[in-house]
Amino acid sequence: ENIKNAVFGNVGSMAVFRVGTEDANFLEPKFKPIFNAQDITKLDNYNAYMSMLINGQPTKPFNIKTIAPERGDREIIDDLKQLSYMKYGRDREEVEKEIMARYTSMQ
């Protein structure tokens, strides 16, 4: 909580996309009276609320619509997934055995 307050205490401009209830309640004072916590939790995809400092002065919060990311090349995406599986993936049974070994050693 202290870290969050320290970080947000030094923020001048902010773009907020949809967040959960707890974060929305924390952010609400920065966007009132234009937007409330419920508005922040119900933002559509690719939409955000902005709060900005211009020449050291806060502007009224406003909403923006961003563009959806490009789809990308499906073949490259699949190749990258496969590379990731090969580099970082492990046999499921091996992982489950490790989990059980740790769990039983804690009892």
C-alpha atoms as a PDB file:
ATOM      1  CA  GLU A   1       0.000   0.000   0.000  1.00  0.00           C
ATOM      2  CA  ASN A   2       2.867   2.394   0.807  1.00  0.00           C
ATOM      3  CA  ILE A   3       4.542   1.638  -2.512  1.00  0.00           C
ATOM      4  CA  LYS A   4       1.289   2.195  -4.391  1.00  0.00           C
ATOM      5  CA  ASN A   5       0.786   5.554  -2.671  1.00  0.00           C
ATOM      6  CA  ALA A   6       4.383   6.571  -3.374  1.00  0.00           C
ATOM      7  CA  VAL A   7       4.124   5.679  -7.056  1.00  0.00           C
ATOM      8  CA  PHE A   8       0.757   7.299  -7.636  1.00  0.00           C
ATOM      9  CA  GLY A   9       1.734  10.326  -5.570  1.00  0.00           C
ATOM     10  CA  ASN A  10       4.278  11.205  -8.266  1.00  0.00           C
ATOM     11  CA  VAL A  11       2.105  10.583 -11.323  1.00  0.00           C
ATOM     12  CA  GLY A  12       1.270  13.573 -13.483  1.00  0.00           C
ATOM     13  CA  SER A  13      -0.551  11.986 -16.405  1.00  0.00           C
ATOM     14  CA  MET A  14      -2.351   8.683 -16.399  1.00  0.00           C
ATOM     15  CA  ALA A  15      -4.188   6.429 -18.855  1.00  0.00           C
ATOM     16  CA  VAL A  16      -6.382   3.855 -17.133  1.00  0.00           C
ATOM     17  CA  PHE A  17      -7.863   0.873 -18.907  1.00  0.00           C
ATOM     18  CA  ARG A  18     -10.451  -1.426 -17.277  1.00  0.00           C
ATOM     19  CA  VAL A  19      -9.385  -2.565 -13.809  1.00  0.00           C
ATOM     20  CA  GLY A  20     -10.943  -4.478 -10.935  1.00  0.00           C
ATOM     21  CA  THR A  21     -13.080  -2.989  -8.183  1.00  0.00           C
ATOM     22  CA  GLU A  22     -10.309  -2.459  -5.625  1.00  0.00           C
ATOM     23  CA  ASP A  23      -8.068  -0.614  -8.078  1.00  0.00           C
ATOM     24  CA  ALA A  24     -11.021   1.356  -9.455  1.00  0.00           C
ATOM     25  CA  ASN A  25     -11.889   2.574  -5.949  1.00  0.00           C
ATOM     26  CA  PHE A  26      -8.280   3.664  -5.479  1.00  0.00           C
ATOM     27  CA  LEU A  27      -8.228   5.485  -8.846  1.00  0.00           C
ATOM     28  CA  GLU A  28     -11.660   7.100  -8.565  1.00  0.00           C
ATOM     29  CA  PRO A  29     -10.494  10.304  -6.812  1.00  0.00           C
ATOM     30  CA  LYS A  30      -8.162  11.027  -9.731  1.00  0.00           C
ATOM     31  CA  PHE A  31     -11.075  10.933 -12.199  1.00  0.00           C
ATOM     32  CA  LYS A  32     -13.968  12.419 -10.200  1.00  0.00           C
ATOM     33  CA  PRO A  33     -16.388  14.001 -10.840  1.00  0.00           C
ATOM     34  CA  ILE A  34     -16.293  13.005 -14.518  1.00  0.00           C
ATOM     35  CA  PHE A  35     -15.835   9.233 -14.026  1.00  0.00           C
ATOM     36  CA  ASN A  36     -16.458   7.026 -10.998  1.00  0.00           C
ATOM     37  CA  ALA A  37     -15.141   3.618  -9.920  1.00  0.00           C
ATOM     38  CA  GLN A  38     -17.984   1.781 -11.635  1.00  0.00           C
ATOM     39  CA  ASP A  39     -17.187   3.536 -14.924  1.00  0.00           C
ATOM     40  CA  ILE A  40     -13.563   2.416 -14.629  1.00  0.00           C
ATOM     41  CA  THR A  41     -14.535  -1.234 -14.048  1.00  0.00           C
ATOM     42  CA  LYS A  42     -16.889  -1.241 -17.029  1.00  0.00           C
ATOM     43  CA  LEU A  43     -14.615   0.249 -19.686  1.00  0.00           C
ATOM     44  CA  ASP A  44     -14.881  -1.462 -23.065  1.00  0.00           C
ATOM     45  CA  ASN A  45     -11.846  -3.105 -24.630  1.00  0.00           C
ATOM     46  CA  TYR A  46      -9.400  -0.618 -26.167  1.00  0.00           C
ATOM     47  CA  ASN A  47     -10.928   2.308 -24.231  1.00  0.00           C
ATOM     48  CA  ALA A  48      -9.274   4.254 -21.430  1.00  0.00           C
ATOM     49  CA  TYR A  49      -9.768   7.274 -19.229  1.00  0.00           C
ATOM     50  CA  MET A  50      -7.055   9.926 -19.259  1.00  0.00           C
ATOM     51  CA  SER A  51      -5.981  12.328 -16.563  1.00  0.00           C
ATOM     52  CA  MET A  52      -3.239  14.728 -17.629  1.00  0.00           C
ATOM     53  CA  LEU A  53      -1.084  17.562 -16.414  1.00  0.00           C
ATOM     54  CA  ILE A  54      -0.493  20.267 -18.998  1.00  0.00           C
ATOM     55  CA  ASN A  55       1.933  23.020 -18.008  1.00  0.00           C
ATOM     56  CA  GLY A  56       1.661  21.756 -14.442  1.00  0.00           C
ATOM     57  CA  GLN A  57      -2.134  22.104 -14.396  1.00  0.00           C
ATOM     58  CA  PRO A  58      -4.549  19.155 -14.275  1.00  0.00           C
ATOM     59  CA  THR A  59      -7.032  18.837 -17.125  1.00  0.00           C
ATOM     60  CA  LYS A  60     -10.548  17.461 -16.788  1.00  0.00           C
ATOM     61  CA  PRO A  61     -10.442  13.677 -17.203  1.00  0.00           C
ATOM     62  CA  PHE A  62     -11.549  12.444 -20.615  1.00  0.00           C
ATOM     63  CA  ASN A  63     -11.966   9.161 -22.448  1.00  0.00           C
ATOM     64  CA  ILE A  64     -10.010   7.825 -25.408  1.00  0.00           C
ATOM     65  CA  LYS A  65     -10.450   4.908 -27.792  1.00  0.00           C
ATOM     66  CA  THR A  66      -7.302   3.091 -28.844  1.00  0.00           C
ATOM     67  CA  ILE A  67      -6.912   0.814 -31.830  1.00  0.00           C
ATOM     68  CA  ALA A  68      -6.902  -2.952 -31.559  1.00  0.00           C
ATOM     69  CA  PRO A  69      -3.511  -4.591 -32.038  1.00  0.00           C
ATOM     70  CA  GLU A  70      -2.811  -6.171 -35.391  1.00  0.00           C
ATOM     71  CA  ARG A  71      -3.515  -9.871 -35.631  1.00  0.00           C
ATOM     72  CA  GLY A  72      -0.011 -10.875 -36.629  1.00  0.00           C
ATOM     73  CA  ASP A  73       1.211 -13.749 -38.731  1.00  0.00           C
ATOM     74  CA  ARG A  74      -0.380 -16.964 -37.428  1.00  0.00           C
ATOM     75  CA  GLU A  75       2.566 -19.110 -38.552  1.00  0.00           C
ATOM     76  CA  ILE A  76       5.079 -16.938 -36.657  1.00  0.00           C
ATOM     77  CA  ILE A  77       2.841 -16.947 -33.574  1.00  0.00           C
ATOM     78  CA  ASP A  78       2.615 -20.745 -33.632  1.00  0.00           C
ATOM     79  CA  ASP A  79       6.378 -21.070 -34.168  1.00  0.00           C
ATOM     80  CA  LEU A  80       7.068 -18.806 -31.180  1.00  0.00           C
ATOM     81  CA  LYS A  81       4.689 -20.810 -28.991  1.00  0.00           C
ATOM     82  CA  GLN A  82       6.401 -24.035 -30.003  1.00  0.00           C
ATOM     83  CA  LEU A  83       9.834 -22.545 -29.290  1.00  0.00           C
ATOM     84  CA  SER A  84       8.624 -21.419 -25.864  1.00  0.00           C
ATOM     85  CA  TYR A  85       7.233 -24.884 -25.095  1.00  0.00           C
ATOM     86  CA  MET A  86      10.521 -26.477 -26.126  1.00  0.00           C
ATOM     87  CA  LYS A  87      12.648 -24.043 -24.118  1.00  0.00           C
ATOM     88  CA  TYR A  88      10.555 -23.653 -20.945  1.00  0.00           C
ATOM     89  CA  GLY A  89       8.054 -26.512 -20.981  1.00  0.00           C
ATOM     90  CA  ARG A  90       8.395 -29.592 -18.824  1.00  0.00           C
ATOM     91  CA  ASP A  91       6.638 -32.907 -18.614  1.00  0.00           C
ATOM     92  CA  ARG A  92       3.439 -32.533 -16.615  1.00  0.00           C
ATOM     93  CA  GLU A  93       4.012 -35.714 -14.599  1.00  0.00           C
ATOM     94  CA  GLU A  94       7.486 -34.498 -13.611  1.00  0.00           C
ATOM     95  CA  VAL A  95       6.093 -31.175 -12.376  1.00  0.00           C
ATOM     96  CA  GLU A  96       3.281 -32.885 -10.458  1.00  0.00           C
ATOM     97  CA  LYS A  97       5.807 -35.192  -8.746  1.00  0.00           C
ATOM     98  CA  GLU A  98       7.874 -32.164  -7.684  1.00  0.00           C
ATOM     99  CA  ILE A  99       4.789 -30.444  -6.291  1.00  0.00           C
ATOM    100  CA  MET A 100       3.776 -33.544  -4.341  1.00  0.00           C
ATOM    101  CA  ALA A 101       7.325 -33.981  -3.010  1.00  0.00           C
ATOM    102  CA  ARG A 102       7.371 -30.404  -1.738  1.00  0.00           C
ATOM    103  CA  TYR A 103       3.875 -30.709  -0.309  1.00  0.00           C
ATOM    104  CA  THR A 104       4.583 -33.947   1.561  1.00  0.00           C
ATOM    105  CA  SER A 105       7.901 -32.654   2.917  1.00  0.00           C
ATOM    106  CA  MET A 106       6.065 -29.693   4.467  1.00  0.00           C
ATOM    107  CA  GLN A 107       3.760 -31.930   6.508  1.00  0.00           C
END
